[in-house]
Amino acid sequence: MEHERADAAGQEEARKLGVRIRQLRVARRWTQEQLAEHAGVHYKYLGDVERGVRNPALFNIARIARAVW
């Protein structure tokens, strides 16, 4: 039961992160492809992160953050 709560909490955090990344990208008027290129990740991976489908590694979070800021 604890594991299920941790999974649900992690999924919610991944969703929130994705929403924030999308907000920052849109504020820059960048496409997913443009942000992905700047961050050095694949645009499909970035789309999954934005939708909360993927829980990115800290390394990739840092790459995306540097690119969007």
C-alpha atoms as a PDB file:
ATOM      1  CA  MET A   1       0.000   0.000   0.000  1.00  0.00           C
ATOM      2  CA  GLU A   2       2.841   2.415   0.805  1.00  0.00           C
ATOM      3  CA  HIS A   3       4.406   1.575  -2.542  1.00  0.00           C
ATOM      4  CA  GLU A   4       1.174   2.444  -4.358  1.00  0.00           C
ATOM      5  CA  ARG A   5       0.979   5.825  -2.624  1.00  0.00           C
ATOM      6  CA  ALA A   6       4.600   6.547  -3.480  1.00  0.00           C
ATOM      7  CA  ASP A   7       3.954   5.622  -7.125  1.00  0.00           C
ATOM      8  CA  ALA A   8       0.883   7.865  -7.262  1.00  0.00           C
ATOM      9  CA  ALA A   9       2.781  10.736  -5.658  1.00  0.00           C
ATOM     10  CA  GLY A  10       5.653  10.275  -8.110  1.00  0.00           C
ATOM     11  CA  GLN A  11       3.268  10.271 -11.064  1.00  0.00           C
ATOM     12  CA  GLU A  12       1.663  13.482  -9.828  1.00  0.00           C
ATOM     13  CA  GLU A  13       5.077  15.139  -9.443  1.00  0.00           C
ATOM     14  CA  ALA A  14       6.042  14.032 -12.961  1.00  0.00           C
ATOM     15  CA  ARG A  15       2.803  15.546 -14.272  1.00  0.00           C
ATOM     16  CA  LYS A  16       3.444  18.841 -12.453  1.00  0.00           C
ATOM     17  CA  LEU A  17       6.984  18.974 -13.798  1.00  0.00           C
ATOM     18  CA  GLY A  18       5.708  18.393 -17.322  1.00  0.00           C
ATOM     19  CA  VAL A  19       3.106  21.140 -16.990  1.00  0.00           C
ATOM     20  CA  ARG A  20       5.761  23.599 -15.817  1.00  0.00           C
ATOM     21  CA  ILE A  21       8.164  22.680 -18.611  1.00  0.00           C
ATOM     22  CA  ARG A  22       5.376  23.204 -21.140  1.00  0.00           C
ATOM     23  CA  GLN A  23       4.520  26.605 -19.611  1.00  0.00           C
ATOM     24  CA  LEU A  24       8.129  27.749 -19.866  1.00  0.00           C
ATOM     25  CA  ARG A  25       8.464  26.431 -23.424  1.00  0.00           C
ATOM     26  CA  VAL A  26       5.273  28.139 -24.573  1.00  0.00           C
ATOM     27  CA  ALA A  27       6.354  31.397 -22.895  1.00  0.00           C
ATOM     28  CA  ARG A  28       9.480  31.282 -25.094  1.00  0.00           C
ATOM     29  CA  ARG A  29       7.278  30.488 -28.093  1.00  0.00           C
ATOM     30  CA  TRP A  30       9.304  27.384 -28.811  1.00  0.00           C
ATOM     31  CA  THR A  31       8.038  24.158 -30.290  1.00  0.00           C
ATOM     32  CA  GLN A  32       8.811  20.881 -28.586  1.00  0.00           C
ATOM     33  CA  GLU A  33      11.317  20.273 -31.344  1.00  0.00           C
ATOM     34  CA  GLN A  34      13.126  23.553 -30.622  1.00  0.00           C
ATOM     35  CA  LEU A  35      13.347  22.947 -26.876  1.00  0.00           C
ATOM     36  CA  ALA A  36      14.413  19.357 -27.428  1.00  0.00           C
ATOM     37  CA  GLU A  37      17.202  20.506 -29.745  1.00  0.00           C
ATOM     38  CA  HIS A  38      18.440  23.067 -27.205  1.00  0.00           C
ATOM     39  CA  ALA A  39      18.271  20.480 -24.411  1.00  0.00           C
ATOM     40  CA  GLY A  40      19.865  17.662 -26.384  1.00  0.00           C
ATOM     41  CA  VAL A  41      16.921  15.281 -26.002  1.00  0.00           C
ATOM     42  CA  HIS A  42      14.559  13.759 -28.546  1.00  0.00           C
ATOM     43  CA  TYR A  43      11.358  15.720 -29.157  1.00  0.00           C
ATOM     44  CA  LYS A  44       9.205  12.638 -28.526  1.00  0.00           C
ATOM     45  CA  TYR A  45      10.915  12.145 -25.159  1.00  0.00           C
ATOM     46  CA  LEU A  46      10.233  15.795 -24.316  1.00  0.00           C
ATOM     47  CA  GLY A  47       6.576  15.358 -25.274  1.00  0.00           C
ATOM     48  CA  ASP A  48       6.330  12.373 -22.944  1.00  0.00           C
ATOM     49  CA  VAL A  49       7.897  14.407 -20.138  1.00  0.00           C
ATOM     50  CA  GLU A  50       5.472  17.284 -20.738  1.00  0.00           C
ATOM     51  CA  ARG A  51       2.505  14.895 -20.564  1.00  0.00           C
ATOM     52  CA  GLY A  52       3.830  13.255 -17.395  1.00  0.00           C
ATOM     53  CA  VAL A  53       4.180   9.909 -19.165  1.00  0.00           C
ATOM     54  CA  ARG A  54       7.903   9.717 -18.412  1.00  0.00           C
ATOM     55  CA  ASN A  55       9.637  10.320 -15.141  1.00  0.00           C
ATOM     56  CA  PRO A  56      12.905  11.852 -16.358  1.00  0.00           C
ATOM     57  CA  ALA A  57      16.271  11.275 -14.744  1.00  0.00           C
ATOM     58  CA  LEU A  58      17.815  14.193 -12.865  1.00  0.00           C
ATOM     59  CA  PHE A  59      20.407  14.536 -15.633  1.00  0.00           C
ATOM     60  CA  ASN A  60      17.668  15.136 -18.224  1.00  0.00           C
ATOM     61  CA  ILE A  61      15.748  17.483 -15.934  1.00  0.00           C
ATOM     62  CA  ALA A  62      18.915  19.581 -15.639  1.00  0.00           C
ATOM     63  CA  ARG A  63      19.429  19.599 -19.419  1.00  0.00           C
ATOM     64  CA  ILE A  64      15.853  20.744 -20.036  1.00  0.00           C
ATOM     65  CA  ALA A  65      16.039  23.343 -17.254  1.00  0.00           C
ATOM     66  CA  ARG A  66      19.256  24.857 -18.643  1.00  0.00           C
ATOM     67  CA  ALA A  67      17.738  25.017 -22.093  1.00  0.00           C
ATOM     68  CA  VAL A  68      14.479  26.655 -21.055  1.00  0.00           C
ATOM     69  CA  TRP A  69      15.990  29.179 -18.663  1.00  0.00           C
END
